[in-house]
Amino acid sequence: MGMGDNALRRYIFASDFDQTLTFNDSGYVLAELVGISTDEFERKAKGMARINLVQQGAELAYLLLHDPEFKAKVRKEHLYEVGKRIRLKDNIPLLYQILESGIDGHVFEFFVLSAAPVEVIHSALEGIVPKDHIFGTEFLYKPTGEIDTIVRATAGYGKVAVLNQLLEEHVAGPDHVIYTGDGSSDIHVMLHVNARDGLTIAVSESPHVSQIAKRTVLSTSALAVLAPILEEVAGWERFRIRGFFEANGMLIQEWERVRTDWLTVRPATIEPEEAPSVPAERGDKVHIVPSGT
C-alpha cells in the first residue's frame, strides 16, 4: 500500500466526553463533591443556557470562573477526583484498542473533544486514551489550586477549531472524520462534519443531535459506535459486524433498528410556522455483552 492509499484510509474518530463516554455529567459530580446541591448547579447552568450567556457546553467553565460559590470551593485537585468518581461506559479500552489497531485496512486516530475540564478527562481516561489525544477546557491556576483564568474552552465552535487543527496535523481529508456526541454542545461540530461529508453519530435520543446526526446508536457500551462505523465506512453487512464483535470477545445480544418520530402537537389555532413538526429519525439500539456470558 502506497502513501496515497494510507492517506485515503486514515480517519479521525472524535468523541465528546460527558454522557457520550460516561453515564453522568462531570458538572453534577463536581457539585456533589464540593457540597453544592445538584439542583442549584442545574438551576445556574440552565439559566445561562436560556439567556445564551456562554457557548453551549461551557456552562461549567463559566461557573468555575465567575460563580462565587464554585470559585470558593473548587480547586484543581477536585477536578482530578471527579474523573475518578465519574462512571464510564463499558468497553472504552477495547474501543480504543480496536480503532488504534485498524479495521480492514482503515486506520482510526481516537481523540476526545469536550467542554469538560481537561483534568477531569485525563483522570477518568488515565491509561486508556493518551493525554495528547484529549482536548478539554483548560485553566491556569493560582498556587493555592484555585482557578485563575481560562486558556481554552472546547465547547460549541471551539470543537470545530480543534477538529480543523487535527485535520491539518494528521493529514486526513475532511470526509474522513467520525464524530460522536450526545447533546446541544455537539451541534456546531456535527453540522460542520456533515457539511464536509464526514460521519456523525448521536448516542442519545435528544432531538438536538438526533435530528442532525447521520446515525443514532443507543447502548450502555462504548463499543456500539462501531456498528455504524463498520457499516458506513467499511461497508460491512450485519452478519460480518456480529462476527467481528465475537472475534473480539463480545456478543451483540440485541440489535434493534427503529425509527423515532419527534412530534410537537399544539392546538390548530396556532399559526403553522409556530408549530413545527420534527422529521423521523433512524436509530440503532444495541445491547453488547461479553461472549462468555
C-alpha atoms as a PDB file:
ATOM      1  CA  MET A   1       0.000   0.000   0.000  1.00  0.00           C
ATOM      2  CA  GLY A   2       1.471   3.353  -1.032  1.00  0.00           C
ATOM      3  CA  MET A   3       1.450   6.643   0.816  1.00  0.00           C
ATOM      4  CA  GLY A   4      -1.604   7.791  -1.137  1.00  0.00           C
ATOM      5  CA  ASP A   5      -3.517   4.658  -0.145  1.00  0.00           C
ATOM      6  CA  ASN A   6      -2.590   5.211   3.523  1.00  0.00           C
ATOM      7  CA  ALA A   7      -3.949   8.769   3.391  1.00  0.00           C
ATOM      8  CA  LEU A   8      -7.199   7.550   1.825  1.00  0.00           C
ATOM      9  CA  ARG A   9      -7.746   5.071   4.671  1.00  0.00           C
ATOM     10  CA  ARG A  10      -6.764   7.316   7.600  1.00  0.00           C
ATOM     11  CA  TYR A  11      -9.652   8.566   9.736  1.00  0.00           C
ATOM     12  CA  ILE A  12     -10.106  10.785  12.767  1.00  0.00           C
ATOM     13  CA  PHE A  13     -12.503   9.445  15.390  1.00  0.00           C
ATOM     14  CA  ALA A  14     -13.500  12.270  17.735  1.00  0.00           C
ATOM     15  CA  SER A  15     -15.778  11.782  20.721  1.00  0.00           C
ATOM     16  CA  ASP A  16     -17.449  14.008  23.251  1.00  0.00           C
ATOM     17  CA  PHE A  17     -16.916  13.010  26.913  1.00  0.00           C
ATOM     18  CA  ASP A  18     -19.818  13.794  29.256  1.00  0.00           C
ATOM     19  CA  GLN A  19     -22.731  11.399  28.639  1.00  0.00           C
ATOM     20  CA  THR A  20     -21.036  10.101  25.483  1.00  0.00           C
ATOM     21  CA  LEU A  21     -18.236   8.135  27.113  1.00  0.00           C
ATOM     22  CA  THR A  22     -19.836   8.461  30.561  1.00  0.00           C
ATOM     23  CA  PHE A  23     -23.213   7.853  32.171  1.00  0.00           C
ATOM     24  CA  ASN A  24     -23.298  11.119  34.089  1.00  0.00           C
ATOM     25  CA  ASP A  25     -22.187  14.724  33.745  1.00  0.00           C
ATOM     26  CA  SER A  26     -18.960  15.930  35.335  1.00  0.00           C
ATOM     27  CA  GLY A  27     -20.645  19.136  36.491  1.00  0.00           C
ATOM     28  CA  TYR A  28     -23.094  17.237  38.682  1.00  0.00           C
ATOM     29  CA  VAL A  29     -20.338  15.034  40.105  1.00  0.00           C
ATOM     30  CA  LEU A  30     -18.231  18.106  40.927  1.00  0.00           C
ATOM     31  CA  ALA A  31     -21.145  19.896  42.579  1.00  0.00           C
ATOM     32  CA  GLU A  32     -21.815  16.899  44.827  1.00  0.00           C
ATOM     33  CA  LEU A  33     -18.109  16.565  45.652  1.00  0.00           C
ATOM     34  CA  VAL A  34     -17.753  20.145  46.938  1.00  0.00           C
ATOM     35  CA  GLY A  35     -21.119  20.302  48.710  1.00  0.00           C
ATOM     36  CA  ILE A  36     -23.202  22.234  46.171  1.00  0.00           C
ATOM     37  CA  SER A  37     -26.629  20.756  45.545  1.00  0.00           C
ATOM     38  CA  THR A  38     -27.179  19.324  42.080  1.00  0.00           C
ATOM     39  CA  ASP A  39     -30.449  21.267  41.910  1.00  0.00           C
ATOM     40  CA  GLU A  40     -28.545  24.500  42.413  1.00  0.00           C
ATOM     41  CA  PHE A  41     -25.966  23.572  39.777  1.00  0.00           C
ATOM     42  CA  GLU A  42     -28.719  22.685  37.318  1.00  0.00           C
ATOM     43  CA  ARG A  43     -30.560  25.946  38.021  1.00  0.00           C
ATOM     44  CA  LYS A  44     -27.457  28.008  37.327  1.00  0.00           C
ATOM     45  CA  ALA A  45     -26.427  26.060  34.229  1.00  0.00           C
ATOM     46  CA  LYS A  46     -29.894  26.159  32.690  1.00  0.00           C
ATOM     47  CA  GLY A  47     -30.174  29.862  33.453  1.00  0.00           C
ATOM     48  CA  MET A  48     -27.006  30.585  31.473  1.00  0.00           C
ATOM     49  CA  ALA A  49     -28.123  28.377  28.602  1.00  0.00           C
ATOM     50  CA  ARG A  50     -31.518  30.098  28.490  1.00  0.00           C
ATOM     51  CA  ILE A  51     -30.033  33.576  28.040  1.00  0.00           C
ATOM     52  CA  ASN A  52     -27.196  32.345  25.766  1.00  0.00           C
ATOM     53  CA  LEU A  53     -24.602  33.805  28.129  1.00  0.00           C
ATOM     54  CA  VAL A  54     -21.946  31.257  27.102  1.00  0.00           C
ATOM     55  CA  GLN A  55     -21.420  28.753  24.304  1.00  0.00           C
ATOM     56  CA  GLN A  56     -23.465  25.603  24.771  1.00  0.00           C
ATOM     57  CA  GLY A  57     -21.486  23.195  26.901  1.00  0.00           C
ATOM     58  CA  ALA A  58     -19.335  25.882  28.540  1.00  0.00           C
ATOM     59  CA  GLU A  59     -21.685  26.492  31.471  1.00  0.00           C
ATOM     60  CA  LEU A  60     -19.477  24.659  33.981  1.00  0.00           C
ATOM     61  CA  ALA A  61     -16.388  26.563  32.847  1.00  0.00           C
ATOM     62  CA  TYR A  62     -18.212  29.860  33.351  1.00  0.00           C
ATOM     63  CA  LEU A  63     -19.342  28.847  36.851  1.00  0.00           C
ATOM     64  CA  LEU A  64     -15.819  27.808  37.827  1.00  0.00           C
ATOM     65  CA  LEU A  65     -14.508  31.203  36.721  1.00  0.00           C
ATOM     66  CA  HIS A  66     -17.252  33.556  37.842  1.00  0.00           C
ATOM     67  CA  ASP A  67     -19.677  31.973  40.321  1.00  0.00           C
ATOM     68  CA  PRO A  68     -18.667  32.931  43.909  1.00  0.00           C
ATOM     69  CA  GLU A  69     -19.715  29.573  45.394  1.00  0.00           C
ATOM     70  CA  PHE A  70     -17.836  27.479  42.840  1.00  0.00           C
ATOM     71  CA  LYS A  71     -14.772  29.770  42.958  1.00  0.00           C
ATOM     72  CA  ALA A  72     -14.633  29.492  46.741  1.00  0.00           C
ATOM     73  CA  LYS A  73     -14.925  25.709  46.876  1.00  0.00           C
ATOM     74  CA  VAL A  74     -13.353  24.187  43.767  1.00  0.00           C
ATOM     75  CA  ARG A  75      -9.628  23.507  43.493  1.00  0.00           C
ATOM     76  CA  LYS A  76      -7.576  21.709  40.873  1.00  0.00           C
ATOM     77  CA  GLU A  77      -7.437  18.502  42.918  1.00  0.00           C
ATOM     78  CA  HIS A  78     -11.243  18.352  42.958  1.00  0.00           C
ATOM     79  CA  LEU A  79     -11.279  18.111  39.160  1.00  0.00           C
ATOM     80  CA  TYR A  80      -8.958  15.096  39.248  1.00  0.00           C
ATOM     81  CA  GLU A  81     -11.160  13.493  41.891  1.00  0.00           C
ATOM     82  CA  VAL A  82     -14.246  13.969  39.713  1.00  0.00           C
ATOM     83  CA  GLY A  83     -12.505  11.963  36.990  1.00  0.00           C
ATOM     84  CA  LYS A  84     -12.033   9.070  39.408  1.00  0.00           C
ATOM     85  CA  ARG A  85     -15.666   9.184  40.523  1.00  0.00           C
ATOM     86  CA  ILE A  86     -17.419   9.602  37.191  1.00  0.00           C
ATOM     87  CA  ARG A  87     -18.951   6.424  35.792  1.00  0.00           C
ATOM     88  CA  LEU A  88     -17.575   5.460  32.390  1.00  0.00           C
ATOM     89  CA  LYS A  89     -19.466   3.477  29.775  1.00  0.00           C
ATOM     90  CA  ASP A  90     -18.400  -0.117  29.280  1.00  0.00           C
ATOM     91  CA  ASN A  91     -15.610  -1.222  26.929  1.00  0.00           C
ATOM     92  CA  ILE A  92     -13.864   2.115  26.272  1.00  0.00           C
ATOM     93  CA  PRO A  93     -10.389   0.477  26.471  1.00  0.00           C
ATOM     94  CA  LEU A  94     -11.435  -2.148  23.912  1.00  0.00           C
ATOM     95  CA  LEU A  95     -12.913   0.504  21.613  1.00  0.00           C
ATOM     96  CA  TYR A  96      -9.644   2.459  21.713  1.00  0.00           C
ATOM     97  CA  GLN A  97      -7.617  -0.698  21.096  1.00  0.00           C
ATOM     98  CA  ILE A  98      -9.729  -1.774  18.103  1.00  0.00           C
ATOM     99  CA  LEU A  99      -9.649   1.660  16.463  1.00  0.00           C
ATOM    100  CA  GLU A 100      -5.916   2.072  17.074  1.00  0.00           C
ATOM    101  CA  SER A 101      -5.187  -1.378  15.581  1.00  0.00           C
ATOM    102  CA  GLY A 102      -7.212  -0.568  12.478  1.00  0.00           C
ATOM    103  CA  ILE A 103     -10.140  -2.329  10.818  1.00  0.00           C
ATOM    104  CA  ASP A 104      -9.937  -3.900   7.375  1.00  0.00           C
ATOM    105  CA  GLY A 105      -7.139  -1.528   6.373  1.00  0.00           C
ATOM    106  CA  HIS A 106      -8.839   1.559   7.847  1.00  0.00           C
ATOM    107  CA  VAL A 107      -6.779   3.379  10.493  1.00  0.00           C
ATOM    108  CA  PHE A 108      -8.522   5.477  13.164  1.00  0.00           C
ATOM    109  CA  GLU A 109      -6.964   8.080  15.477  1.00  0.00           C
ATOM    110  CA  PHE A 110      -9.054   8.352  18.661  1.00  0.00           C
ATOM    111  CA  PHE A 111      -9.495  11.832  20.165  1.00  0.00           C
ATOM    112  CA  VAL A 112     -11.709  13.277  22.891  1.00  0.00           C
ATOM    113  CA  LEU A 113     -13.143  16.794  22.373  1.00  0.00           C
ATOM    114  CA  SER A 114     -15.093  18.061  25.360  1.00  0.00           C
ATOM    115  CA  ALA A 115     -16.108  21.182  27.234  1.00  0.00           C
ATOM    116  CA  ALA A 116     -15.366  19.360  30.496  1.00  0.00           C
ATOM    117  CA  PRO A 117     -12.212  20.452  32.370  1.00  0.00           C
ATOM    118  CA  VAL A 118      -9.250  18.623  30.874  1.00  0.00           C
ATOM    119  CA  GLU A 119      -8.157  17.428  34.340  1.00  0.00           C
ATOM    120  CA  VAL A 120     -11.441  15.529  34.701  1.00  0.00           C
ATOM    121  CA  ILE A 121     -10.962  13.739  31.380  1.00  0.00           C
ATOM    122  CA  HIS A 122      -7.268  12.984  31.982  1.00  0.00           C
ATOM    123  CA  SER A 123      -8.135  11.434  35.325  1.00  0.00           C
ATOM    124  CA  ALA A 124     -11.123   9.437  34.049  1.00  0.00           C
ATOM    125  CA  LEU A 125      -9.351   8.074  30.960  1.00  0.00           C
ATOM    126  CA  GLU A 126      -5.921   7.565  32.521  1.00  0.00           C
ATOM    127  CA  GLY A 127      -4.262   4.543  30.948  1.00  0.00           C
ATOM    128  CA  ILE A 128      -6.905   4.405  28.196  1.00  0.00           C
ATOM    129  CA  VAL A 129      -6.523   7.492  25.987  1.00  0.00           C
ATOM    130  CA  PRO A 130      -3.173   9.366  25.805  1.00  0.00           C
ATOM    131  CA  LYS A 131      -3.210  12.878  27.233  1.00  0.00           C
ATOM    132  CA  ASP A 132      -2.179  14.401  23.916  1.00  0.00           C
ATOM    133  CA  HIS A 133      -5.334  12.948  22.364  1.00  0.00           C
ATOM    134  CA  ILE A 134      -7.595  14.710  24.871  1.00  0.00           C
ATOM    135  CA  PHE A 135      -8.849  18.267  24.331  1.00  0.00           C
ATOM    136  CA  GLY A 136     -10.893  19.742  27.141  1.00  0.00           C
ATOM    137  CA  THR A 137     -11.356  23.121  28.764  1.00  0.00           C
ATOM    138  CA  GLU A 138      -8.006  24.329  30.116  1.00  0.00           C
ATOM    139  CA  PHE A 139      -7.438  26.684  33.056  1.00  0.00           C
ATOM    140  CA  LEU A 140      -4.495  28.406  34.677  1.00  0.00           C
ATOM    141  CA  TYR A 141      -4.313  28.029  38.460  1.00  0.00           C
ATOM    142  CA  LYS A 142      -3.107  30.060  41.395  1.00  0.00           C
ATOM    143  CA  PRO A 143      -0.521  28.453  43.738  1.00  0.00           C
ATOM    144  CA  THR A 144      -3.410  27.533  46.063  1.00  0.00           C
ATOM    145  CA  GLY A 145      -5.057  25.435  43.338  1.00  0.00           C
ATOM    146  CA  GLU A 146      -7.815  27.998  42.804  1.00  0.00           C
ATOM    147  CA  ILE A 147      -8.770  28.608  39.186  1.00  0.00           C
ATOM    148  CA  ASP A 148      -7.271  31.868  37.950  1.00  0.00           C
ATOM    149  CA  THR A 149      -8.217  32.196  34.289  1.00  0.00           C
ATOM    150  CA  ILE A 150      -9.228  30.161  31.265  1.00  0.00           C
ATOM    151  CA  VAL A 151      -6.867  29.207  28.444  1.00  0.00           C
ATOM    152  CA  ARG A 152      -9.278  27.468  26.077  1.00  0.00           C
ATOM    153  CA  ALA A 153     -12.858  26.211  26.158  1.00  0.00           C
ATOM    154  CA  THR A 154     -13.523  23.261  23.865  1.00  0.00           C
ATOM    155  CA  ALA A 155     -17.227  23.994  23.568  1.00  0.00           C
ATOM    156  CA  GLY A 156     -19.525  24.922  20.707  1.00  0.00           C
ATOM    157  CA  TYR A 157     -17.462  26.253  17.820  1.00  0.00           C
ATOM    158  CA  GLY A 158     -14.337  25.585  19.890  1.00  0.00           C
ATOM    159  CA  LYS A 159     -14.721  21.900  18.970  1.00  0.00           C
ATOM    160  CA  VAL A 160     -14.737  22.808  15.285  1.00  0.00           C
ATOM    161  CA  ALA A 161     -11.474  24.734  15.716  1.00  0.00           C
ATOM    162  CA  VAL A 162      -9.792  21.769  17.421  1.00  0.00           C
ATOM    163  CA  LEU A 163     -11.074  19.366  14.779  1.00  0.00           C
ATOM    164  CA  ASN A 164      -9.715  21.540  11.964  1.00  0.00           C
ATOM    165  CA  GLN A 165      -6.363  21.615  13.749  1.00  0.00           C
ATOM    166  CA  LEU A 166      -6.348  17.814  13.963  1.00  0.00           C
ATOM    167  CA  LEU A 167      -7.159  17.507  10.254  1.00  0.00           C
ATOM    168  CA  GLU A 168      -4.114  19.594   9.387  1.00  0.00           C
ATOM    169  CA  GLU A 169      -1.802  17.760  11.766  1.00  0.00           C
ATOM    170  CA  HIS A 170      -2.881  14.249  10.774  1.00  0.00           C
ATOM    171  CA  VAL A 171      -3.299  14.831   7.032  1.00  0.00           C
ATOM    172  CA  ALA A 172      -6.795  13.420   6.896  1.00  0.00           C
ATOM    173  CA  GLY A 173      -9.467  14.510   4.435  1.00  0.00           C
ATOM    174  CA  PRO A 174     -12.486  16.357   5.857  1.00  0.00           C
ATOM    175  CA  ASP A 175     -14.729  13.474   4.777  1.00  0.00           C
ATOM    176  CA  HIS A 176     -12.612  11.101   6.875  1.00  0.00           C
ATOM    177  CA  VAL A 177     -13.912  12.365  10.200  1.00  0.00           C
ATOM    178  CA  ILE A 178     -16.222  10.474  12.553  1.00  0.00           C
ATOM    179  CA  TYR A 179     -17.724  12.470  15.409  1.00  0.00           C
ATOM    180  CA  THR A 180     -19.895  11.097  18.190  1.00  0.00           C
ATOM    181  CA  GLY A 181     -21.782  13.138  20.791  1.00  0.00           C
ATOM    182  CA  ASP A 182     -24.941  13.401  22.810  1.00  0.00           C
ATOM    183  CA  GLY A 183     -26.212  16.950  23.249  1.00  0.00           C
ATOM    184  CA  SER A 184     -26.570  20.570  22.242  1.00  0.00           C
ATOM    185  CA  SER A 185     -22.851  21.334  22.684  1.00  0.00           C
ATOM    186  CA  ASP A 186     -22.185  18.955  19.771  1.00  0.00           C
ATOM    187  CA  ILE A 187     -24.460  20.698  17.266  1.00  0.00           C
ATOM    188  CA  HIS A 188     -21.825  23.040  15.766  1.00  0.00           C
ATOM    189  CA  VAL A 189     -19.263  20.314  15.188  1.00  0.00           C
ATOM    190  CA  MET A 190     -21.821  17.818  13.847  1.00  0.00           C
ATOM    191  CA  LEU A 191     -23.118  20.328  11.302  1.00  0.00           C
ATOM    192  CA  HIS A 192     -19.509  21.069  10.327  1.00  0.00           C
ATOM    193  CA  VAL A 193     -18.672  17.371   9.873  1.00  0.00           C
ATOM    194  CA  ASN A 194     -21.890  16.684   7.931  1.00  0.00           C
ATOM    195  CA  ALA A 195     -21.231  19.580   5.556  1.00  0.00           C
ATOM    196  CA  ARG A 196     -17.871  18.045   4.704  1.00  0.00           C
ATOM    197  CA  ASP A 197     -19.270  14.537   4.156  1.00  0.00           C
ATOM    198  CA  GLY A 198     -17.997  13.023   7.406  1.00  0.00           C
ATOM    199  CA  LEU A 199     -19.950  10.632   9.643  1.00  0.00           C
ATOM    200  CA  THR A 200     -21.794  11.887  12.716  1.00  0.00           C
ATOM    201  CA  ILE A 201     -23.189   9.533  15.366  1.00  0.00           C
ATOM    202  CA  ALA A 202     -25.574  10.546  18.152  1.00  0.00           C
ATOM    203  CA  VAL A 203     -25.532   8.407  21.287  1.00  0.00           C
ATOM    204  CA  SER A 204     -28.718   9.805  22.797  1.00  0.00           C
ATOM    205  CA  GLU A 205     -32.295  10.359  21.691  1.00  0.00           C
ATOM    206  CA  SER A 206     -32.026  14.093  22.376  1.00  0.00           C
ATOM    207  CA  PRO A 207     -33.715  15.838  19.432  1.00  0.00           C
ATOM    208  CA  HIS A 208     -30.924  18.437  19.490  1.00  0.00           C
ATOM    209  CA  VAL A 209     -28.488  15.941  17.977  1.00  0.00           C
ATOM    210  CA  SER A 210     -30.561  13.002  16.719  1.00  0.00           C
ATOM    211  CA  GLN A 211     -32.086  15.275  14.062  1.00  0.00           C
ATOM    212  CA  ILE A 212     -28.599  16.297  12.891  1.00  0.00           C
ATOM    213  CA  ALA A 213     -26.508  13.138  13.241  1.00  0.00           C
ATOM    214  CA  LYS A 214     -26.420  10.770  10.278  1.00  0.00           C
ATOM    215  CA  ARG A 215     -26.756   7.799  12.621  1.00  0.00           C
ATOM    216  CA  THR A 216     -28.061   7.334  16.153  1.00  0.00           C
ATOM    217  CA  VAL A 217     -26.997   4.410  18.339  1.00  0.00           C
ATOM    218  CA  LEU A 218     -28.136   3.771  21.910  1.00  0.00           C
ATOM    219  CA  SER A 219     -26.207   1.437  24.202  1.00  0.00           C
ATOM    220  CA  THR A 220     -24.521   1.202  27.597  1.00  0.00           C
ATOM    221  CA  SER A 221     -21.370   0.059  25.778  1.00  0.00           C
ATOM    222  CA  ALA A 222     -18.970   2.455  24.066  1.00  0.00           C
ATOM    223  CA  LEU A 223     -18.343  -0.309  21.505  1.00  0.00           C
ATOM    224  CA  ALA A 224     -21.785   0.246  19.983  1.00  0.00           C
ATOM    225  CA  VAL A 225     -20.492   3.120  17.817  1.00  0.00           C
ATOM    226  CA  LEU A 226     -18.511   0.519  15.872  1.00  0.00           C
ATOM    227  CA  ALA A 227     -21.738  -0.760  14.295  1.00  0.00           C
ATOM    228  CA  PRO A 228     -22.442   2.382  12.196  1.00  0.00           C
ATOM    229  CA  ILE A 229     -18.708   2.854  11.554  1.00  0.00           C
ATOM    230  CA  LEU A 230     -18.357  -0.649  10.136  1.00  0.00           C
ATOM    231  CA  GLU A 231     -21.499  -0.202   8.057  1.00  0.00           C
ATOM    232  CA  GLU A 232     -20.850   3.302   6.752  1.00  0.00           C
ATOM    233  CA  VAL A 233     -17.035   3.354   6.480  1.00  0.00           C
ATOM    234  CA  ALA A 234     -16.022  -0.263   5.927  1.00  0.00           C
ATOM    235  CA  GLY A 235     -19.220  -1.201   4.072  1.00  0.00           C
ATOM    236  CA  TRP A 236     -19.789  -4.344   6.122  1.00  0.00           C
ATOM    237  CA  GLU A 237     -23.058  -6.274   6.380  1.00  0.00           C
ATOM    238  CA  ARG A 238     -24.622  -7.056   9.739  1.00  0.00           C
ATOM    239  CA  PHE A 239     -23.508 -10.700   9.842  1.00  0.00           C
ATOM    240  CA  ARG A 240     -19.886  -9.644   9.376  1.00  0.00           C
ATOM    241  CA  ILE A 241     -20.191  -6.992  12.097  1.00  0.00           C
ATOM    242  CA  ARG A 242     -21.577  -9.572  14.520  1.00  0.00           C
ATOM    243  CA  GLY A 243     -18.688 -11.878  13.695  1.00  0.00           C
ATOM    244  CA  PHE A 244     -16.194  -9.062  14.302  1.00  0.00           C
ATOM    245  CA  PHE A 245     -17.643  -8.383  17.751  1.00  0.00           C
ATOM    246  CA  GLU A 246     -17.488 -12.091  18.612  1.00  0.00           C
ATOM    247  CA  ALA A 247     -13.871 -12.261  17.439  1.00  0.00           C
ATOM    248  CA  ASN A 248     -13.139  -9.512  19.994  1.00  0.00           C
ATOM    249  CA  GLY A 249     -14.839 -11.392  22.815  1.00  0.00           C
ATOM    250  CA  MET A 250     -18.189  -9.582  22.699  1.00  0.00           C
ATOM    251  CA  LEU A 251     -21.673 -10.534  21.575  1.00  0.00           C
ATOM    252  CA  ILE A 252     -24.281  -8.232  20.107  1.00  0.00           C
ATOM    253  CA  GLN A 253     -27.127  -9.671  22.139  1.00  0.00           C
ATOM    254  CA  GLU A 254     -29.750  -7.310  20.735  1.00  0.00           C
ATOM    255  CA  TRP A 255     -29.658  -5.021  17.718  1.00  0.00           C
ATOM    256  CA  GLU A 256     -32.975  -3.313  17.173  1.00  0.00           C
ATOM    257  CA  ARG A 257     -33.249  -0.821  14.356  1.00  0.00           C
ATOM    258  CA  VAL A 258     -36.075   1.616  14.971  1.00  0.00           C
ATOM    259  CA  ARG A 259     -37.471   4.840  13.637  1.00  0.00           C
ATOM    260  CA  THR A 260     -38.118   7.608  16.133  1.00  0.00           C
ATOM    261  CA  ASP A 261     -40.695  10.287  15.332  1.00  0.00           C
ATOM    262  CA  TRP A 262     -40.366  13.544  17.265  1.00  0.00           C
ATOM    263  CA  LEU A 263     -43.635  15.451  17.075  1.00  0.00           C
ATOM    264  CA  THR A 264     -44.751  18.753  18.542  1.00  0.00           C
ATOM    265  CA  VAL A 265     -48.549  18.834  18.717  1.00  0.00           C
ATOM    266  CA  ARG A 266     -50.424  22.042  19.506  1.00  0.00           C
ATOM    267  CA  PRO A 267     -53.949  23.395  19.081  1.00  0.00           C
ATOM    268  CA  ALA A 268     -54.896  24.042  15.455  1.00  0.00           C
ATOM    269  CA  THR A 269     -55.368  27.756  16.158  1.00  0.00           C
ATOM    270  CA  ILE A 270     -51.590  28.218  16.346  1.00  0.00           C
ATOM    271  CA  GLU A 271     -50.106  29.640  13.159  1.00  0.00           C
ATOM    272  CA  PRO A 272     -48.348  26.905  11.100  1.00  0.00           C
ATOM    273  CA  GLU A 273     -44.930  28.489  11.344  1.00  0.00           C
ATOM    274  CA  GLU A 274     -45.213  28.480  15.138  1.00  0.00           C
ATOM    275  CA  ALA A 275     -45.933  24.759  15.378  1.00  0.00           C
ATOM    276  CA  PRO A 276     -43.070  22.917  13.706  1.00  0.00           C
ATOM    277  CA  SER A 277     -43.047  19.178  13.267  1.00  0.00           C
ATOM    278  CA  VAL A 278     -39.847  17.206  13.531  1.00  0.00           C
ATOM    279  CA  PRO A 279     -38.856  14.672  10.854  1.00  0.00           C
ATOM    280  CA  ALA A 280     -38.475  10.984  11.595  1.00  0.00           C
ATOM    281  CA  GLU A 281     -35.061   9.746  12.620  1.00  0.00           C
ATOM    282  CA  ARG A 282     -33.354   6.382  12.396  1.00  0.00           C
ATOM    283  CA  GLY A 283     -31.621   4.828  15.362  1.00  0.00           C
ATOM    284  CA  ASP A 284     -29.933   1.593  16.405  1.00  0.00           C
ATOM    285  CA  LYS A 285     -30.441   0.166  19.882  1.00  0.00           C
ATOM    286  CA  VAL A 286     -27.537  -2.167  20.578  1.00  0.00           C
ATOM    287  CA  HIS A 287     -27.026  -4.410  23.611  1.00  0.00           C
ATOM    288  CA  ILE A 288     -23.471  -5.771  23.879  1.00  0.00           C
ATOM    289  CA  VAL A 289     -22.316  -8.407  26.368  1.00  0.00           C
ATOM    290  CA  PRO A 290     -19.050 -10.347  26.819  1.00  0.00           C
ATOM    291  CA  SER A 291     -19.149 -13.506  24.710  1.00  0.00           C
ATOM    292  CA  GLY A 292     -18.585 -15.699  27.752  1.00  0.00           C
ATOM    293  CA  THR A 293     -21.954 -14.757  29.286  1.00  0.00           C
END
